[in-house]
């Protein structure tokens, strides 16, 4: 695995360097935002994972993330932040981060997050590149169909465009079990494959972005069950 870590704290960078070496991962560290963005843009397709601190000299991590997403919509991106406010973390996810880790963190926690995210990216890249609808949809309801092979989803034959890997996995998990209510904790374990130690805001942020993309294709099918979680339900579309 080839990792770009954009981190200005030398002690954090040195600590993670030891763990990356133990995993036998190729690792580059940039100590400010401008240097990190330059390293990324030299070969955007070279990186398997990017970890990005929010508080960086020369260019803020949020701005770096925006530029990265302008170049690549798919490179896995984990934000590292000492900020503990919900607005910062949700903004990071809105910009396009796939995950975030709040400082101080355990090195093994970051390693686990990297492995889980890389595994998801590998699954996505194994599928065919075609954008044509296929007949072997593995999820199908009266109004919705989804193919894990092409990583595509359709609502009343309108393609739901622009789904990130996590958004697709979240939609597939819900749609495979219509009307079943999933708690945020369950979705974290099923979609992210690890626990967030009680921090469930990442689910809400991804649901928000997923709903926005669904609504461009048709009526909303992700429903909130207040006090519990979320469910997929397209049964009401017959009445609309």
Protein backbone atom coordinates (compact mmCIF):
# COMPACT_ATOMS: atom_id res chain seq x y z
CA UNK A 1 0.00 0.00 0.00
CA UNK A 2 1.23 3.52 -0.79
CA UNK A 3 0.22 6.16 1.75
CA UNK A 4 0.47 9.94 1.68
CA UNK A 5 0.31 11.38 5.19
CA UNK A 6 -0.09 15.17 5.38
CA UNK A 7 0.78 15.92 8.99
CA UNK A 8 2.78 18.82 10.48
CA UNK A 9 3.27 17.25 13.91
CA UNK A 10 6.67 15.55 13.74
CA UNK A 11 6.04 13.28 16.74
CA UNK A 12 2.82 11.96 15.18
CA UNK A 13 4.53 11.47 11.81
CA UNK A 14 7.48 9.65 13.38
CA UNK A 15 5.19 7.45 15.46
CA UNK A 16 3.11 6.43 12.45
CA UNK A 17 6.27 5.91 10.38
CA UNK A 18 7.22 3.02 12.69
CA UNK A 19 3.79 1.42 12.35
CA UNK A 20 3.72 1.87 8.56
CA UNK A 21 7.13 0.23 8.29
CA UNK A 22 5.89 -2.68 10.39
CA UNK A 23 3.02 -3.13 7.92
CA UNK A 24 5.56 -2.84 5.06
CA UNK A 25 3.66 0.06 3.52
CA UNK A 26 5.27 2.68 1.28
CA UNK A 27 4.90 5.97 3.10
CA UNK A 28 5.45 9.66 2.30
CA UNK A 29 4.91 12.46 4.80
CA UNK A 30 4.30 16.11 3.93
CA UNK A 31 4.62 18.67 6.73
CA UNK A 32 2.32 21.38 5.35
CA UNK A 33 -0.75 21.67 3.15
CA UNK A 34 0.99 23.06 0.07
CA UNK A 35 3.67 20.35 0.14
CA UNK A 36 1.04 17.64 0.59
CA UNK A 37 -1.07 18.87 -2.30
CA UNK A 38 2.03 19.10 -4.49
CA UNK A 39 3.00 15.50 -3.64
CA UNK A 40 -0.53 14.33 -4.44
CA UNK A 41 -0.79 16.15 -7.76
CA UNK A 42 2.56 14.83 -8.99
CA UNK A 43 0.86 11.44 -9.45
CA UNK A 44 -2.78 11.38 -8.23
CA UNK A 45 -3.27 7.73 -9.19
CA UNK A 46 -0.26 6.55 -7.19
CA UNK A 47 -1.80 6.85 -3.74
CA UNK A 48 -3.84 4.09 -2.09
CA UNK A 49 -4.72 6.14 1.01
CA UNK A 50 -4.32 9.77 2.07
CA UNK A 51 -4.40 10.81 5.72
CA UNK A 52 -4.87 14.54 6.16
CA UNK A 53 -4.56 16.71 9.26
CA UNK A 54 -6.99 19.64 9.45
CA UNK A 55 -4.67 22.10 11.21
CA UNK A 56 -1.86 22.58 8.71
CA UNK A 57 0.52 25.47 7.96
CA UNK A 58 0.45 27.23 4.56
CA UNK A 59 -2.87 25.61 3.51
CA UNK A 60 -5.68 24.40 5.77
CA UNK A 61 -6.63 20.74 5.61
CA UNK A 62 -10.17 21.55 4.44
CA UNK A 63 -8.77 23.44 1.45
CA UNK A 64 -6.36 20.62 0.67
CA UNK A 65 -9.27 18.16 0.74
CA UNK A 66 -11.25 20.30 -1.69
CA UNK A 67 -8.37 20.36 -4.16
CA UNK A 68 -7.83 16.60 -3.80
CA UNK A 69 -11.49 15.91 -4.53
CA UNK A 70 -11.40 18.20 -7.58
CA UNK A 71 -8.70 15.91 -8.99
CA UNK A 72 -9.90 12.55 -7.70
CA UNK A 73 -13.36 11.63 -6.45
CA UNK A 74 -12.31 8.15 -5.38
CA UNK A 75 -8.92 8.22 -3.63
CA UNK A 76 -9.61 7.11 -0.04
CA UNK A 77 -9.19 10.06 2.34
CA UNK A 78 -8.99 9.96 6.15
CA UNK A 79 -8.98 13.23 8.08
CA UNK A 80 -7.01 13.57 11.32
CA UNK A 81 -8.27 16.32 13.56
CA UNK A 82 -7.71 17.69 17.03
CA UNK A 83 -10.99 19.55 16.66
CA UNK A 84 -13.79 17.86 18.53
CA UNK A 85 -16.69 19.87 17.17
CA UNK A 86 -19.44 18.17 15.20
CA UNK A 87 -19.47 20.93 12.57
CA UNK A 88 -15.80 20.40 11.66
CA UNK A 89 -16.20 16.65 11.35
CA UNK A 90 -19.40 16.83 9.32
CA UNK A 91 -17.87 19.51 7.07
CA UNK A 92 -14.92 17.22 6.44
CA UNK A 93 -17.23 14.39 5.42
CA UNK A 94 -19.27 16.78 3.26
CA UNK A 95 -16.11 17.86 1.44
CA UNK A 96 -15.42 14.25 0.59
CA UNK A 97 -13.47 12.58 3.40
CA UNK A 98 -14.28 8.89 3.75
CA UNK A 99 -13.44 8.79 7.44
CA UNK A 100 -12.02 10.87 10.26
CA UNK A 101 -9.97 10.13 13.37
CA UNK A 102 -9.91 12.51 16.32
CA UNK A 103 -6.60 13.24 18.04
CA UNK A 104 -5.17 11.95 20.25
CA UNK A 105 -5.59 8.51 18.70
CA UNK A 106 -4.10 5.06 19.04
CA UNK A 107 -1.81 4.14 16.12
CA UNK A 108 -3.56 0.78 15.86
CA UNK A 109 -6.89 2.57 15.51
CA UNK A 110 -5.59 4.48 12.49
CA UNK A 111 -4.06 1.31 11.04
CA UNK A 112 -7.43 -0.46 11.39
CA UNK A 113 -9.25 2.42 9.70
CA UNK A 114 -6.73 2.44 6.84
CA UNK A 115 -7.07 -1.31 6.29
CA UNK A 116 -10.88 -1.18 6.33
CA UNK A 117 -11.00 1.72 3.88
CA UNK A 118 -8.41 0.14 1.58
CA UNK A 119 -10.35 -3.13 1.58
CA UNK A 120 -13.50 -1.26 0.49
CA UNK A 121 -11.59 0.52 -2.29
CA UNK A 122 -10.20 -2.81 -3.53
CA UNK A 123 -13.69 -4.31 -3.70
CA UNK A 124 -14.88 -1.34 -5.74
CA UNK A 125 -11.99 -1.48 -8.21
CA UNK A 126 -12.52 -5.20 -8.87
CA UNK A 127 -15.82 -4.54 -10.66
CA UNK A 128 -16.12 -3.89 -14.42
CA UNK A 129 -15.80 -0.32 -15.64
CA UNK A 130 -18.97 -0.38 -17.76
CA UNK A 131 -21.66 2.18 -17.03
CA UNK A 132 -24.36 0.28 -18.90
CA UNK A 133 -27.20 -1.24 -16.87
CA UNK A 134 -26.86 -4.99 -16.37
CA UNK A 135 -29.49 -7.67 -15.98
CA UNK A 136 -28.03 -9.43 -12.93
CA UNK A 137 -28.98 -6.94 -10.24
CA UNK A 138 -28.50 -8.52 -6.83
CA UNK A 139 -30.94 -6.12 -5.14
CA UNK A 140 -34.29 -5.45 -6.78
CA UNK A 141 -37.61 -4.01 -5.58
CA UNK A 142 -40.58 -2.58 -7.46
CA UNK A 143 -38.84 0.79 -7.88
CA UNK A 144 -35.18 0.16 -7.12
CA UNK A 145 -32.37 -2.04 -8.39
CA UNK A 146 -28.69 -2.30 -7.52
CA UNK A 147 -25.72 -4.17 -8.95
CA UNK A 148 -22.74 -4.94 -6.74
CA UNK A 149 -20.76 -5.90 -9.86
CA UNK A 150 -20.99 -2.49 -11.51
CA UNK A 151 -21.54 -0.58 -8.22
CA UNK A 152 -24.58 1.12 -9.77
CA UNK A 153 -28.04 1.83 -8.40
CA UNK A 154 -31.24 2.89 -10.17
CA UNK A 155 -34.48 4.39 -8.89
CA UNK A 156 -37.35 3.90 -11.36
CA UNK A 157 -34.68 3.31 -14.04
CA UNK A 158 -32.95 6.62 -13.24
CA UNK A 159 -29.32 6.06 -12.28
CA UNK A 160 -28.26 7.47 -8.90
CA UNK A 161 -25.10 9.27 -9.94
CA UNK A 162 -21.95 10.12 -8.05
CA UNK A 163 -22.11 7.57 -5.25
CA UNK A 164 -18.90 7.30 -3.24
CA UNK A 165 -17.77 3.83 -2.09
CA UNK A 166 -19.18 4.37 1.41
CA UNK A 167 -22.47 5.81 0.10
CA UNK A 168 -22.94 2.81 -2.20
CA UNK A 169 -22.20 0.34 0.61
CA UNK A 170 -24.58 2.18 2.92
CA UNK A 171 -27.36 2.15 0.32
CA UNK A 172 -26.80 -1.53 -0.44
CA UNK A 173 -26.92 -2.48 3.24
CA UNK A 174 -30.24 -0.71 3.72
CA UNK A 175 -31.80 -1.81 0.43
CA UNK A 176 -31.00 -5.48 0.96
CA UNK A 177 -33.36 -5.40 3.93
CA UNK A 178 -36.37 -3.22 2.95
CA UNK A 179 -38.28 -1.74 5.89
CA UNK A 180 -35.77 -3.13 8.41
CA UNK A 181 -34.63 -0.40 10.79
CA UNK A 182 -30.88 -0.17 11.35
CA UNK A 183 -29.41 1.71 14.27
CA UNK A 184 -26.40 3.93 13.69
CA UNK A 185 -24.26 1.48 15.65
CA UNK A 186 -25.33 -1.38 13.38
CA UNK A 187 -24.57 0.62 10.24
CA UNK A 188 -21.12 1.55 11.55
CA UNK A 189 -20.30 -2.11 12.09
CA UNK A 190 -21.84 -3.35 8.82
CA UNK A 191 -20.58 -0.62 6.48
CA UNK A 192 -17.40 0.61 8.14
CA UNK A 193 -16.47 -2.80 9.64
CA UNK A 194 -15.32 -1.35 12.93
CA UNK A 195 -16.80 0.60 15.79
CA UNK A 196 -16.59 4.36 16.20
CA UNK A 197 -16.51 4.11 19.98
CA UNK A 198 -19.88 5.81 20.33
CA UNK A 199 -19.36 8.52 17.71
CA UNK A 200 -22.20 8.02 15.23
CA UNK A 201 -22.17 11.39 13.46
CA UNK A 202 -20.41 9.96 10.43
CA UNK A 203 -23.54 7.90 9.64
CA UNK A 204 -25.76 10.98 9.68
CA UNK A 205 -23.33 12.88 7.43
CA UNK A 206 -23.22 10.06 4.87
CA UNK A 207 -27.01 9.61 4.97
CA UNK A 208 -27.40 13.34 4.25
CA UNK A 209 -25.15 13.15 1.17
CA UNK A 210 -26.76 9.91 0.01
CA UNK A 211 -30.24 11.42 0.22
CA UNK A 212 -29.18 14.41 -1.84
CA UNK A 213 -28.00 12.11 -4.63
CA UNK A 214 -31.10 9.90 -4.46
CA UNK A 215 -33.38 12.94 -4.75
CA UNK A 216 -31.75 13.86 -8.06
CA UNK A 217 -32.97 10.51 -9.45
CA UNK A 218 -36.43 10.36 -7.86
CA UNK A 219 -38.43 10.26 -4.61
CA UNK A 220 -36.67 9.67 -1.30
CA UNK A 221 -36.40 6.04 -0.20
CA UNK A 222 -34.17 6.42 2.88
CA UNK A 223 -36.40 7.08 5.86
CA UNK A 224 -35.52 8.25 9.37
CA UNK A 225 -37.03 6.29 12.25
CA UNK A 226 -36.76 8.84 15.03
CA UNK A 227 -34.88 7.68 18.08
CA UNK A 228 -33.78 4.46 16.37
CA UNK A 229 -32.02 4.90 13.03
CA UNK A 230 -32.71 4.53 9.30
CA UNK A 231 -34.49 2.20 6.88
CA UNK A 232 -34.99 1.71 3.14
CA UNK A 233 -38.65 1.82 2.09
CA UNK A 234 -39.95 2.41 -1.44
CA UNK A 235 -43.42 0.96 -0.81
CA UNK A 236 -45.01 4.40 -0.54
CA UNK A 237 -43.91 5.31 -4.09
CA UNK A 238 -46.86 3.37 -5.50
CA UNK A 239 -49.14 6.00 -3.95
CA UNK A 240 -47.30 8.98 -5.36
